[in-house]
C-alpha atoms as a PDB file:
ATOM      1  CA  MET A   1     -37.135 134.088-247.092  1.00  0.00           C
ATOM      2  CA  THR A   2     -39.228 131.385-248.745  1.00  0.00           C
ATOM      3  CA  ALA A   3     -42.956 131.993-249.126  1.00  0.00           C
ATOM      4  CA  LEU A   4     -45.163 129.773-247.031  1.00  0.00           C
ATOM      5  CA  SER A   5     -46.873 126.892-248.749  1.00  0.00           C
ATOM      6  CA  LEU A   6     -48.677 123.806-247.577  1.00  0.00           C
ATOM      7  CA  GLU A   7     -45.565 121.774-248.301  1.00  0.00           C
ATOM      8  CA  SER A   8     -43.167 124.166-246.558  1.00  0.00           C
ATOM      9  CA  MET A   9     -45.383 124.083-243.464  1.00  0.00           C
ATOM     10  CA  ARG A  10     -45.465 120.259-243.649  1.00  0.00           C
ATOM     11  CA  ALA A  11     -41.660 120.235-243.833  1.00  0.00           C
ATOM     12  CA  ASP A  12     -41.379 122.604-240.843  1.00  0.00           C
ATOM     13  CA  ILE A  13     -43.655 120.376-238.769  1.00  0.00           C
ATOM     14  CA  ALA A  14     -41.780 117.239-239.834  1.00  0.00           C
ATOM     15  CA  ARG A  15     -38.463 118.822-238.852  1.00  0.00           C
ATOM     16  CA  MET A  16     -39.882 119.782-235.469  1.00  0.00           C
ATOM     17  CA  LEU A  17     -41.115 116.207-234.902  1.00  0.00           C
ATOM     18  CA  HIS A  18     -38.021 114.533-236.424  1.00  0.00           C
ATOM     19  CA  GLU A  19     -40.219 112.809-238.999  1.00  0.00           C
ATOM     20  CA  SER A  20     -40.337 112.589-242.760  1.00  0.00           C
ATOM     21  CA  PRO A  21     -42.665 115.138-244.397  1.00  0.00           C
ATOM     22  CA  SER A  22     -44.427 112.237-246.112  1.00  0.00           C
ATOM     23  CA  ASP A  23     -45.444 110.971-242.656  1.00  0.00           C
ATOM     24  CA  ILE A  24     -47.361 114.189-241.884  1.00  0.00           C
ATOM     25  CA  LEU A  25     -50.815 113.949-243.428  1.00  0.00           C
ATOM     26  CA  ASP A  26     -53.131 116.933-243.838  1.00  0.00           C
ATOM     27  CA  ASP A  27     -55.705 115.646-241.347  1.00  0.00           C
ATOM     28  CA  ASP A  28     -53.373 114.089-238.751  1.00  0.00           C
ATOM     29  CA  ASN A  29     -53.841 115.420-235.231  1.00  0.00           C
ATOM     30  CA  LEU A  30     -50.373 116.890-234.795  1.00  0.00           C
ATOM     31  CA  MET A  31     -50.600 116.800-230.992  1.00  0.00           C
ATOM     32  CA  ASP A  32     -51.120 113.035-231.246  1.00  0.00           C
ATOM     33  CA  LEU A  33     -47.935 112.878-233.335  1.00  0.00           C
ATOM     34  CA  GLY A  34     -45.963 114.556-230.544  1.00  0.00           C
ATOM     35  CA  LEU A  35     -46.259 118.270-231.212  1.00  0.00           C
ATOM     36  CA  ASP A  36     -46.522 120.110-227.899  1.00  0.00           C
ATOM     37  CA  SER A  37     -47.520 123.679-227.114  1.00  0.00           C
ATOM     38  CA  MET A  38     -43.927 124.943-226.929  1.00  0.00           C
ATOM     39  CA  ARG A  39     -43.115 123.589-230.379  1.00  0.00           C
ATOM     40  CA  LEU A  40     -46.398 124.959-231.688  1.00  0.00           C
ATOM     41  CA  MET A  41     -45.518 128.422-230.388  1.00  0.00           C
ATOM     42  CA  LYS A  42     -42.147 128.205-232.160  1.00  0.00           C
ATOM     43  CA  LEU A  43     -43.807 127.205-235.435  1.00  0.00           C
ATOM     44  CA  ALA A  44     -46.376 129.989-235.125  1.00  0.00           C
ATOM     45  CA  ALA A  45     -43.629 132.554-234.534  1.00  0.00           C
ATOM     46  CA  GLN A  46     -41.618 131.218-237.486  1.00  0.00           C
ATOM     47  CA  TRP A  47     -44.629 131.380-239.790  1.00  0.00           C
ATOM     48  CA  ARG A  48     -45.584 134.874-238.607  1.00  0.00           C
ATOM     49  CA  GLU A  49     -42.038 136.000-239.441  1.00  0.00           C
ATOM     50  CA  ALA A  50     -42.635 134.575-242.930  1.00  0.00           C
ATOM     51  CA  GLY A  51     -45.750 136.716-243.254  1.00  0.00           C
ATOM     52  CA  ALA A  52     -48.564 134.455-242.041  1.00  0.00           C
ATOM     53  CA  GLU A  53     -51.466 135.985-240.177  1.00  0.00           C
ATOM     54  CA  LEU A  54     -52.145 133.460-237.445  1.00  0.00           C
ATOM     55  CA  GLU A  55     -52.453 133.168-233.702  1.00  0.00           C
ATOM     56  CA  PHE A  56     -51.464 130.363-231.368  1.00  0.00           C
ATOM     57  CA  ALA A  57     -55.066 129.936-230.174  1.00  0.00           C
ATOM     58  CA  ASP A  58     -56.301 129.450-233.763  1.00  0.00           C
ATOM     59  CA  LEU A  59     -53.715 126.727-234.311  1.00  0.00           C
ATOM     60  CA  ALA A  60     -54.358 125.022-230.977  1.00  0.00           C
ATOM     61  CA  ALA A  61     -58.127 124.905-231.647  1.00  0.00           C
ATOM     62  CA  ASP A  62     -57.650 122.345-234.451  1.00  0.00           C
ATOM     63  CA  ALA A  63     -54.171 120.856-234.611  1.00  0.00           C
ATOM     64  CA  THR A  64     -54.190 119.646-238.203  1.00  0.00           C
ATOM     65  CA  LEU A  65     -52.105 120.855-241.099  1.00  0.00           C
ATOM     66  CA  ALA A  66     -55.268 121.222-243.200  1.00  0.00           C
ATOM     67  CA  HIS A  67     -56.756 123.669-240.673  1.00  0.00           C
ATOM     68  CA  TRP A  68     -53.509 125.587-240.284  1.00  0.00           C
ATOM     69  CA  TRP A  69     -53.058 125.908-244.042  1.00  0.00           C
ATOM     70  CA  ALA A  70     -56.653 127.163-244.386  1.00  0.00           C
ATOM     71  CA  ILE A  71     -55.823 129.968-241.915  1.00  0.00           C
ATOM     72  CA  VAL A  72     -52.628 130.897-243.753  1.00  0.00           C
ATOM     73  CA  ALA A  73     -54.286 130.662-247.192  1.00  0.00           C
ATOM     74  CA  ARG A  74     -57.076 133.043-246.108  1.00  0.00           C
ATOM     75  CA  GLY A  75     -54.443 135.569-245.047  1.00  0.00           C
ATOM     76  CA  LEU A  76     -52.589 135.178-248.338  1.00  0.00           C
ATOM     77  CA  ALA A  77     -55.828 135.681-250.292  1.00  0.00           C
ATOM     78  CA  ARG A  78     -56.489 138.956-248.444  1.00  0.00           C
ATOM     79  CA  GLU A  79     -53.004 140.187-249.405  1.00  0.00           C
ATOM     80  CA  ALA A  80     -53.482 139.403-253.106  1.00  0.00           C
END
């Protein structure tokens, strides 16, 4: 299993939205780009399986890749 990174999360989101990763900017509102709650739950589950410490509610509170990566990065820092 590949370790989570900002770019791997961007690629996962892009795949879910059928977009190019380069079209997903850190501060884009991902709900405005078409991400819905069902897809968000799938991403959250996928990232938890990869070791991320995150909850759906935390992701839904601010639907930007920058916010989501900050959550994941904090969890990774605690593990180090």
